[in-house]
mmCIF file of all heavy atoms, coordinates in Angstrom:
data_MODEL
# 
_entry.id   MODEL 
# 
loop_
_atom_site.group_PDB 
_atom_site.id 
_atom_site.type_symbol 
_atom_site.label_atom_id 
_atom_site.label_alt_id 
_atom_site.label_comp_id 
_atom_site.label_asym_id 
_atom_site.label_entity_id 
_atom_site.label_seq_id 
_atom_site.pdbx_PDB_ins_code 
_atom_site.Cartn_x 
_atom_site.Cartn_y 
_atom_site.Cartn_z 
_atom_site.occupancy 
_atom_site.B_iso_or_equiv 
_atom_site.pdbx_formal_charge 
_atom_site.auth_seq_id 
_atom_site.auth_comp_id 
_atom_site.auth_asym_id 
_atom_site.auth_atom_id 
_atom_site.pdbx_PDB_model_num 
ATOM 1   N N   . GLY A 1 1  ? 98.782  -105.314 74.341 1.00 0.00 ? 1  GLY A N   1 
ATOM 2   C CA  . GLY A 1 1  ? 97.956  -106.475 74.643 1.00 0.00 ? 1  GLY A CA  1 
ATOM 3   C C   . GLY A 1 1  ? 98.712  -107.797 74.598 1.00 0.00 ? 1  GLY A C   1 
ATOM 4   O O   . GLY A 1 1  ? 99.896  -107.849 74.245 1.00 0.00 ? 1  GLY A O   1 
ATOM 5   N N   . PRO A 1 2  ? 98.024  -108.894 74.945 1.00 0.00 ? 2  PRO A N   1 
ATOM 6   C CA  . PRO A 1 2  ? 98.663  -110.217 74.994 1.00 0.00 ? 2  PRO A CA  1 
ATOM 7   C C   . PRO A 1 2  ? 99.038  -110.718 73.608 1.00 0.00 ? 2  PRO A C   1 
ATOM 8   O O   . PRO A 1 2  ? 98.400  -110.395 72.610 1.00 0.00 ? 2  PRO A O   1 
ATOM 9   C CB  . PRO A 1 2  ? 97.577  -111.102 75.627 1.00 0.00 ? 2  PRO A CB  1 
ATOM 10  C CG  . PRO A 1 2  ? 96.296  -110.414 75.294 1.00 0.00 ? 2  PRO A CG  1 
ATOM 11  C CD  . PRO A 1 2  ? 96.594  -108.944 75.312 1.00 0.00 ? 2  PRO A CD  1 
ATOM 12  N N   . ARG A 1 3  ? 100.084 -111.527 73.599 1.00 0.00 ? 3  ARG A N   1 
ATOM 13  C CA  . ARG A 1 3  ? 100.583 -112.094 72.351 1.00 0.00 ? 3  ARG A CA  1 
ATOM 14  C C   . ARG A 1 3  ? 100.636 -113.615 72.454 1.00 0.00 ? 3  ARG A C   1 
ATOM 15  O O   . ARG A 1 3  ? 100.547 -114.187 73.545 1.00 0.00 ? 3  ARG A O   1 
ATOM 16  C CB  . ARG A 1 3  ? 101.969 -111.537 72.005 1.00 0.00 ? 3  ARG A CB  1 
ATOM 17  C CG  . ARG A 1 3  ? 101.948 -110.031 71.731 1.00 0.00 ? 3  ARG A CG  1 
ATOM 18  C CD  . ARG A 1 3  ? 103.330 -109.449 71.504 1.00 0.00 ? 3  ARG A CD  1 
ATOM 19  N NE  . ARG A 1 3  ? 103.268 -108.006 71.249 1.00 0.00 ? 3  ARG A NE  1 
ATOM 20  C CZ  . ARG A 1 3  ? 103.240 -107.456 70.037 1.00 0.00 ? 3  ARG A CZ  1 
ATOM 21  N NH1 . ARG A 1 3  ? 103.303 -108.263 68.958 1.00 0.00 ? 3  ARG A NH1 1 
ATOM 22  N NH2 . ARG A 1 3  ? 103.181 -106.153 69.888 1.00 0.00 ? 3  ARG A NH2 1 
ATOM 23  N N   . GLY A 1 4  ? 100.807 -114.251 71.319 1.00 0.00 ? 4  GLY A N   1 
ATOM 24  C CA  . GLY A 1 4  ? 100.856 -115.705 71.309 1.00 0.00 ? 4  GLY A CA  1 
ATOM 25  C C   . GLY A 1 4  ? 101.573 -116.229 70.083 1.00 0.00 ? 4  GLY A C   1 
ATOM 26  O O   . GLY A 1 4  ? 102.253 -115.481 69.371 1.00 0.00 ? 4  GLY A O   1 
ATOM 27  N N   . THR A 1 5  ? 101.393 -117.526 69.817 1.00 0.00 ? 5  THR A N   1 
ATOM 28  C CA  . THR A 1 5  ? 102.089 -118.211 68.726 1.00 0.00 ? 5  THR A CA  1 
ATOM 29  C C   . THR A 1 5  ? 101.079 -118.809 67.767 1.00 0.00 ? 5  THR A C   1 
ATOM 30  O O   . THR A 1 5  ? 100.110 -119.452 68.187 1.00 0.00 ? 5  THR A O   1 
ATOM 31  C CB  . THR A 1 5  ? 102.987 -119.331 69.278 1.00 0.00 ? 5  THR A CB  1 
ATOM 32  O OG1 . THR A 1 5  ? 103.983 -118.753 70.127 1.00 0.00 ? 5  THR A OG1 1 
ATOM 33  C CG2 . THR A 1 5  ? 103.667 -120.101 68.154 1.00 0.00 ? 5  THR A CG2 1 
ATOM 34  N N   . LEU A 1 6  ? 101.309 -118.598 66.478 1.00 0.00 ? 6  LEU A N   1 
ATOM 35  C CA  . LEU A 1 6  ? 100.490 -119.204 65.436 1.00 0.00 ? 6  LEU A CA  1 
ATOM 36  C C   . LEU A 1 6  ? 101.312 -120.271 64.732 1.00 0.00 ? 6  LEU A C   1 
ATOM 37  O O   . LEU A 1 6  ? 102.400 -119.988 64.210 1.00 0.00 ? 6  LEU A O   1 
ATOM 38  C CB  . LEU A 1 6  ? 100.026 -118.152 64.430 1.00 0.00 ? 6  LEU A CB  1 
ATOM 39  C CG  . LEU A 1 6  ? 99.117  -118.640 63.300 1.00 0.00 ? 6  LEU A CG  1 
ATOM 40  C CD1 . LEU A 1 6  ? 97.772  -119.094 63.860 1.00 0.00 ? 6  LEU A CD1 1 
ATOM 41  C CD2 . LEU A 1 6  ? 98.915  -117.540 62.256 1.00 0.00 ? 6  LEU A CD2 1 
ATOM 42  N N   . VAL A 1 7  ? 100.819 -121.496 64.736 1.00 0.00 ? 7  VAL A N   1 
ATOM 43  C CA  . VAL A 1 7  ? 101.489 -122.604 64.056 1.00 0.00 ? 7  VAL A CA  1 
ATOM 44  C C   . VAL A 1 7  ? 100.766 -122.857 62.741 1.00 0.00 ? 7  VAL A C   1 
ATOM 45  O O   . VAL A 1 7  ? 99.545  -123.059 62.726 1.00 0.00 ? 7  VAL A O   1 
ATOM 46  C CB  . VAL A 1 7  ? 101.479 -123.881 64.920 1.00 0.00 ? 7  VAL A CB  1 
ATOM 47  C CG1 . VAL A 1 7  ? 102.181 -125.029 64.196 1.00 0.00 ? 7  VAL A CG1 1 
ATOM 48  C CG2 . VAL A 1 7  ? 102.140 -123.612 66.273 1.00 0.00 ? 7  VAL A CG2 1 
ATOM 49  N N   . VAL A 1 8  ? 101.516 -122.838 61.654 1.00 0.00 ? 8  VAL A N   1 
ATOM 50  C CA  . VAL A 1 8  ? 100.936 -123.022 60.323 1.00 0.00 ? 8  VAL A CA  1 
ATOM 51  C C   . VAL A 1 8  ? 101.507 -124.291 59.702 1.00 0.00 ? 8  VAL A C   1 
ATOM 52  O O   . VAL A 1 8  ? 102.724 -124.425 59.565 1.00 0.00 ? 8  VAL A O   1 
ATOM 53  C CB  . VAL A 1 8  ? 101.212 -121.818 59.400 1.00 0.00 ? 8  VAL A CB  1 
ATOM 54  C CG1 . VAL A 1 8  ? 100.541 -122.019 58.043 1.00 0.00 ? 8  VAL A CG1 1 
ATOM 55  C CG2 . VAL A 1 8  ? 100.731 -120.521 60.046 1.00 0.00 ? 8  VAL A CG2 1 
ATOM 56  N N   . GLU A 1 9  ? 100.607 -125.201 59.328 1.00 0.00 ? 9  GLU A N   1 
ATOM 57  C CA  . GLU A 1 9  ? 101.004 -126.449 58.668 1.00 0.00 ? 9  GLU A CA  1 
ATOM 58  C C   . GLU A 1 9  ? 100.326 -126.538 57.305 1.00 0.00 ? 9  GLU A C   1 
ATOM 59  O O   . GLU A 1 9  ? 99.243  -125.970 57.105 1.00 0.00 ? 9  GLU A O   1 
ATOM 60  C CB  . GLU A 1 9  ? 100.596 -127.653 59.524 1.00 0.00 ? 9  GLU A CB  1 
ATOM 61  C CG  . GLU A 1 9  ? 101.204 -127.654 60.918 1.00 0.00 ? 9  GLU A CG  1 
ATOM 62  C CD  . GLU A 1 9  ? 100.653 -128.780 61.778 1.00 0.00 ? 9  GLU A CD  1 
ATOM 63  O OE1 . GLU A 1 9  ? 99.513  -129.230 61.507 1.00 0.00 ? 9  GLU A OE1 1 
ATOM 64  O OE2 . GLU A 1 9  ? 101.342 -129.194 62.725 1.00 0.00 ? 9  GLU A OE2 1 
ATOM 65  N N   . THR A 1 10 ? 100.957 -127.234 56.388 1.00 0.00 ? 10 THR A N   1 
ATOM 66  C CA  . THR A 1 10 ? 100.368 -127.434 55.063 1.00 0.00 ? 10 THR A CA  1 
ATOM 67  C C   . THR A 1 10 ? 100.540 -128.882 54.636 1.00 0.00 ? 10 THR A C   1 
ATOM 68  O O   . THR A 1 10 ? 101.421 -129.600 55.114 1.00 0.00 ? 10 THR A O   1 
ATOM 69  C CB  . THR A 1 10 ? 101.041 -126.535 54.007 1.00 0.00 ? 10 THR A CB  1 
ATOM 70  O OG1 . THR A 1 10 ? 102.425 -126.902 53.865 1.00 0.00 ? 10 THR A OG1 1 
ATOM 71  C CG2 . THR A 1 10 ? 100.937 -125.075 54.376 1.00 0.00 ? 10 THR A CG2 1 
ATOM 72  N N   . ASP A 1 11 ? 99.675  -129.293 53.748 1.00 0.00 ? 11 ASP A N   1 
ATOM 73  C CA  . ASP A 1 11 ? 99.794  -130.595 53.109 1.00 0.00 ? 11 ASP A CA  1 
ATOM 74  C C   . ASP A 1 11 ? 99.765  -130.371 51.593 1.00 0.00 ? 11 ASP A C   1 
ATOM 75  O O   . ASP A 1 11 ? 98.742  -129.950 51.052 1.00 0.00 ? 11 ASP A O   1 
ATOM 76  C CB  . ASP A 1 11 ? 98.639  -131.511 53.522 1.00 0.00 ? 11 ASP A CB  1 
ATOM 77  C CG  . ASP A 1 11 ? 98.770  -132.917 52.940 1.00 0.00 ? 11 ASP A CG  1 
ATOM 78  O OD1 . ASP A 1 11 ? 99.888  -133.276 52.486 1.00 0.00 ? 11 ASP A OD1 1 
ATOM 79  O OD2 . ASP A 1 11 ? 97.763  -133.645 52.929 1.00 0.00 ? 11 ASP A OD2 1 
ATOM 80  N N   . PRO A 1 12 ? 100.908 -130.586 50.906 1.00 0.00 ? 12 PRO A N   1 
ATOM 81  C CA  . PRO A 1 12 ? 102.179 -131.096 51.421 1.00 0.00 ? 12 PRO A CA  1 
ATOM 82  C C   . PRO A 1 12 ? 102.965 -130.031 52.188 1.00 0.00 ? 12 PRO A C   1 
ATOM 83  O O   . PRO A 1 12 ? 102.699 -128.839 52.060 1.00 0.00 ? 12 PRO A O   1 
ATOM 84  C CB  . PRO A 1 12 ? 102.927 -131.500 50.148 1.00 0.00 ? 12 PRO A CB  1 
ATOM 85  C CG  . PRO A 1 12 ? 102.414 -130.568 49.117 1.00 0.00 ? 12 PRO A CG  1 
ATOM 86  C CD  . PRO A 1 12 ? 100.955 -130.355 49.441 1.00 0.00 ? 12 PRO A CD  1 
ATOM 87  N N   . ALA A 1 13 ? 103.944 -130.512 52.969 1.00 0.00 ? 13 ALA A N   1 
ATOM 88  C CA  . ALA A 1 13 ? 104.807 -129.607 53.726 1.00 0.00 ? 13 ALA A CA  1 
ATOM 89  C C   . ALA A 1 13 ? 105.816 -128.951 52.784 1.00 0.00 ? 13 ALA A C   1 
ATOM 90  O O   . ALA A 1 13 ? 105.964 -129.335 51.629 1.00 0.00 ? 13 ALA A O   1 
ATOM 91  C CB  . ALA A 1 13 ? 105.521 -130.385 54.825 1.00 0.00 ? 13 ALA A CB  1 
ATOM 92  N N   . GLY A 1 14 ? 106.522 -127.963 53.311 1.00 0.00 ? 14 GLY A N   1 
ATOM 93  C CA  . GLY A 1 14 ? 107.578 -127.318 52.537 1.00 0.00 ? 14 GLY A CA  1 
ATOM 94  C C   . GLY A 1 14 ? 107.152 -126.065 51.806 1.00 0.00 ? 14 GLY A C   1 
ATOM 95  O O   . GLY A 1 14 ? 107.949 -125.460 51.103 1.00 0.00 ? 14 GLY A O   1 
ATOM 96  N N   . ALA A 1 15 ? 105.897 -125.652 51.966 1.00 0.00 ? 15 ALA A N   1 
ATOM 97  C CA  . ALA A 1 15 ? 105.428 -124.427 51.311 1.00 0.00 ? 15 ALA A CA  1 
ATOM 98  C C   . ALA A 1 15 ? 105.970 -123.211 52.048 1.00 0.00 ? 15 ALA A C   1 
ATOM 99  O O   . ALA A 1 15 ? 106.155 -123.229 53.266 1.00 0.00 ? 15 ALA A O   1 
ATOM 100 C CB  . ALA A 1 15 ? 103.903 -124.395 51.296 1.00 0.00 ? 15 ALA A CB  1 
ATOM 101 N N   . GLU A 1 16 ? 106.202 -122.144 51.305 1.00 0.00 ? 16 GLU A N   1 
ATOM 102 C CA  . GLU A 1 16 ? 106.660 -120.908 51.937 1.00 0.00 ? 16 GLU A CA  1 
ATOM 103 C C   . GLU A 1 16 ? 105.469 -120.208 52.589 1.00 0.00 ? 16 GLU A C   1 
ATOM 104 O O   . GLU A 1 16 ? 104.431 -120.018 51.960 1.00 0.00 ? 16 GLU A O   1 
ATOM 105 C CB  . GLU A 1 16 ? 107.303 -119.979 50.909 1.00 0.00 ? 16 GLU A CB  1 
ATOM 106 C CG  . GLU A 1 16 ? 107.863 -118.714 51.535 1.00 0.00 ? 16 GLU A CG  1 
ATOM 107 C CD  . GLU A 1 16 ? 108.602 -117.823 50.555 1.00 0.00 ? 16 GLU A CD  1 
ATOM 108 O OE1 . GLU A 1 16 ? 108.652 -118.184 49.354 1.00 0.00 ? 16 GLU A OE1 1 
ATOM 109 O OE2 . GLU A 1 16 ? 109.105 -116.771 50.973 1.00 0.00 ? 16 GLU A OE2 1 
ATOM 110 N N   . ILE A 1 17 ? 105.648 -119.823 53.848 1.00 0.00 ? 17 ILE A N   1 
ATOM 111 C CA  . ILE A 1 17 ? 104.568 -119.248 54.639 1.00 0.00 ? 17 ILE A CA  1 
ATOM 112 C C   . ILE A 1 17 ? 104.840 -117.770 54.912 1.00 0.00 ? 17 ILE A C   1 
ATOM 113 O O   . ILE A 1 17 ? 105.907 -117.395 55.395 1.00 0.00 ? 17 ILE A O   1 
ATOM 114 C CB  . ILE A 1 17 ? 104.414 -119.980 55.987 1.00 0.00 ? 17 ILE A CB  1 
ATOM 115 C CG1 . ILE A 1 17 ? 104.185 -121.475 55.759 1.00 0.00 ? 17 ILE A CG1 1 
ATOM 116 C CG2 . ILE A 1 17 ? 103.286 -119.365 56.805 1.00 0.00 ? 17 ILE A CG2 1 
ATOM 117 C CD1 . ILE A 1 17 ? 102.938 -121.802 54.988 1.00 0.00 ? 17 ILE A CD1 1 
ATOM 118 N N   . TYR A 1 18 ? 103.850 -116.951 54.581 1.00 0.00 ? 18 TYR A N   1 
ATOM 119 C CA  . TYR A 1 18 ? 103.864 -115.533 54.941 1.00 0.00 ? 18 TYR A CA  1 
ATOM 120 C C   . TYR A 1 18 ? 102.744 -115.299 55.959 1.00 0.00 ? 18 TYR A C   1 
ATOM 121 O O   . TYR A 1 18 ? 101.644 -115.817 55.790 1.00 0.00 ? 18 TYR A O   1 
ATOM 122 C CB  . TYR A 1 18 ? 103.580 -114.648 53.738 1.00 0.00 ? 18 TYR A CB  1 
ATOM 123 C CG  . TYR A 1 18 ? 104.561 -114.730 52.590 1.00 0.00 ? 18 TYR A CG  1 
ATOM 124 C CD1 . TYR A 1 18 ? 104.583 -115.835 51.742 1.00 0.00 ? 18 TYR A CD1 1 
ATOM 125 C CD2 . TYR A 1 18 ? 105.442 -113.683 52.338 1.00 0.00 ? 18 TYR A CD2 1 
ATOM 126 C CE1 . TYR A 1 18 ? 105.467 -115.898 50.686 1.00 0.00 ? 18 TYR A CE1 1 
ATOM 127 C CE2 . TYR A 1 18 ? 106.325 -113.734 51.269 1.00 0.00 ? 18 TYR A CE2 1 
ATOM 128 C CZ  . TYR A 1 18 ? 106.330 -114.843 50.446 1.00 0.00 ? 18 TYR A CZ  1 
ATOM 129 O OH  . TYR A 1 18 ? 107.207 -114.911 49.391 1.00 0.00 ? 18 TYR A OH  1 
ATOM 130 N N   . VAL A 1 19 ? 103.029 -114.515 56.969 1.00 0.00 ? 19 VAL A N   1 
ATOM 131 C CA  . VAL A 1 19 ? 101.995 -114.080 57.906 1.00 0.00 ? 19 VAL A CA  1 
ATOM 132 C C   . VAL A 1 19 ? 102.029 -112.560 57.936 1.00 0.00 ? 19 VAL A C   1 
ATOM 133 O O   . VAL A 1 19 ? 103.074 -111.958 58.230 1.00 0.00 ? 19 VAL A O   1 
ATOM 134 C CB  . VAL A 1 19 ? 102.206 -114.663 59.316 1.00 0.00 ? 19 VAL A CB  1 
ATOM 135 C CG1 . VAL A 1 19 ? 101.150 -114.114 60.284 1.00 0.00 ? 19 VAL A CG1 1 
ATOM 136 C CG2 . VAL A 1 19 ? 102.146 -116.185 59.281 1.00 0.00 ? 19 VAL A CG2 1 
ATOM 137 N N   . ASP A 1 20 ? 100.917 -111.948 57.580 1.00 0.00 ? 20 ASP A N   1 
ATOM 138 C CA  . ASP A 1 20 ? 100.787 -110.494 57.514 1.00 0.00 ? 20 ASP A CA  1 
ATOM 139 C C   . ASP A 1 20 ? 101.845 -109.883 56.598 1.00 0.00 ? 20 ASP A C   1 
ATOM 140 O O   . ASP A 1 20 ? 102.396 -108.802 56.870 1.00 0.00 ? 20 ASP A O   1 
ATOM 141 C CB  . ASP A 1 20 ? 100.869 -109.878 58.920 1.00 0.00 ? 20 ASP A CB  1 
ATOM 142 C CG  . ASP A 1 20 ? 99.782  -110.397 59.842 1.00 0.00 ? 20 ASP A CG  1 
ATOM 143 O OD1 . ASP A 1 20 ? 98.714  -110.786 59.330 1.00 0.00 ? 20 ASP A OD1 1 
ATOM 144 O OD2 . ASP A 1 20 ? 99.999  -110.430 61.067 1.00 0.00 ? 20 ASP A OD2 1 
ATOM 145 N N   . GLY A 1 21 ? 102.155 -110.607 55.514 1.00 0.00 ? 21 GLY A N   1 
ATOM 146 C CA  . GLY A 1 21 ? 103.074 -110.092 54.503 1.00 0.00 ? 21 GLY A CA  1 
ATOM 147 C C   . GLY A 1 21 ? 104.536 -110.386 54.747 1.00 0.00 ? 21 GLY A C   1 
ATOM 148 O O   . GLY A 1 21 ? 105.373 -110.066 53.904 1.00 0.00 ? 21 GLY A O   1 
ATOM 149 N N   . ARG A 1 22 ? 104.882 -111.024 55.852 1.00 0.00 ? 22 ARG A N   1 
ATOM 150 C CA  . ARG A 1 22 ? 106.281 -111.335 56.156 1.00 0.00 ? 22 ARG A CA  1 
ATOM 151 C C   . ARG A 1 22 ? 106.530 -112.828 56.011 1.00 0.00 ? 22 ARG A C   1 
ATOM 152 O O   . ARG A 1 22 ? 105.749 -113.655 56.492 1.00 0.00 ? 22 ARG A O   1 
ATOM 153 C CB  . ARG A 1 22 ? 106.624 -110.893 57.583 1.00 0.00 ? 22 ARG A CB  1 
ATOM 154 C CG  . ARG A 1 22 ? 108.064 -111.188 57.972 1.00 0.00 ? 22 ARG A CG  1 
ATOM 155 C CD  . ARG A 1 22 ? 108.350 -110.736 59.397 1.00 0.00 ? 22 ARG A CD  1 
ATOM 156 N NE  . ARG A 1 22 ? 109.710 -111.077 59.794 1.00 0.00 ? 22 ARG A NE  1 
ATOM 157 C CZ  . ARG A 1 22 ? 110.214 -110.860 61.004 1.00 0.00 ? 22 ARG A CZ  1 
ATOM 158 N NH1 . ARG A 1 22 ? 109.459 -110.279 61.927 1.00 0.00 ? 22 ARG A NH1 1 
ATOM 159 N NH2 . ARG A 1 22 ? 111.451 -111.210 61.291 1.00 0.00 ? 22 ARG A NH2 1 
ATOM 160 N N   . SER A 1 23 ? 107.626 -113.180 55.336 1.00 0.00 ? 23 SER A N   1 
ATOM 161 C CA  . SER A 1 23 ? 107.963 -114.583 55.114 1.00 0.00 ? 23 SER A CA  1 
ATOM 162 C C   . SER A 1 23 ? 108.586 -115.190 56.369 1.00 0.00 ? 23 SER A C   1 
ATOM 163 O O   . SER A 1 23 ? 109.480 -114.587 56.984 1.00 0.00 ? 23 SER A O   1 
ATOM 164 C CB  . SER A 1 23 ? 108.939 -114.715 53.945 1.00 0.00 ? 23 SER A CB  1 
ATOM 165 O OG  . SER A 1 23 ? 109.396 -116.051 53.815 1.00 0.00 ? 23 SER A OG  1 
ATOM 166 N N   . TYR A 1 24 ? 108.116 -116.389 56.733 1.00 0.00 ? 24 TYR A N   1 
ATOM 167 C CA  . TYR A 1 24 ? 108.628 -117.076 57.913 1.00 0.00 ? 24 TYR A CA  1 
ATOM 168 C C   . TYR A 1 24 ? 109.273 -118.421 57.580 1.00 0.00 ? 24 TYR A C   1 
ATOM 169 O O   . TYR A 1 24 ? 109.557 -119.201 58.478 1.00 0.00 ? 24 TYR A O   1 
ATOM 170 C CB  . TYR A 1 24 ? 107.515 -117.274 58.941 1.00 0.00 ? 24 TYR A CB  1 
ATOM 171 C CG  . TYR A 1 24 ? 107.166 -115.994 59.663 1.00 0.00 ? 24 TYR A CG  1 
ATOM 172 C CD1 . TYR A 1 24 ? 106.170 -115.149 59.186 1.00 0.00 ? 24 TYR A CD1 1 
ATOM 173 C CD2 . TYR A 1 24 ? 107.851 -115.608 60.811 1.00 0.00 ? 24 TYR A CD2 1 
ATOM 174 C CE1 . TYR A 1 24 ? 105.858 -113.963 59.837 1.00 0.00 ? 24 TYR A CE1 1 
ATOM 175 C CE2 . TYR A 1 24 ? 107.537 -114.422 61.478 1.00 0.00 ? 24 TYR A CE2 1 
ATOM 176 C CZ  . TYR A 1 24 ? 106.544 -113.609 60.980 1.00 0.00 ? 24 TYR A CZ  1 
ATOM 177 O OH  . TYR A 1 24 ? 106.251 -112.431 61.633 1.00 0.00 ? 24 TYR A OH  1 
ATOM 178 N N   . GLY A 1 25 ? 109.485 -118.712 56.313 1.00 0.00 ? 25 GLY A N   1 
ATOM 179 C CA  . GLY A 1 25 ? 110.157 -119.942 55.951 1.00 0.00 ? 25 GLY A CA  1 
ATOM 180 C C   . GLY A 1 25 ? 109.195 -121.032 55.527 1.00 0.00 ? 25 GLY A C   1 
ATOM 181 O O   . GLY A 1 25 ? 107.984 -120.817 55.409 1.00 0.00 ? 25 GLY A O   1 
# 
């Protein structure tokens, strides 16, 4: 199926982001 991009922002910035259990920085 089709795929896309998820943009994750936080306040404050600099938090470590995991999506579906994988770290993305």
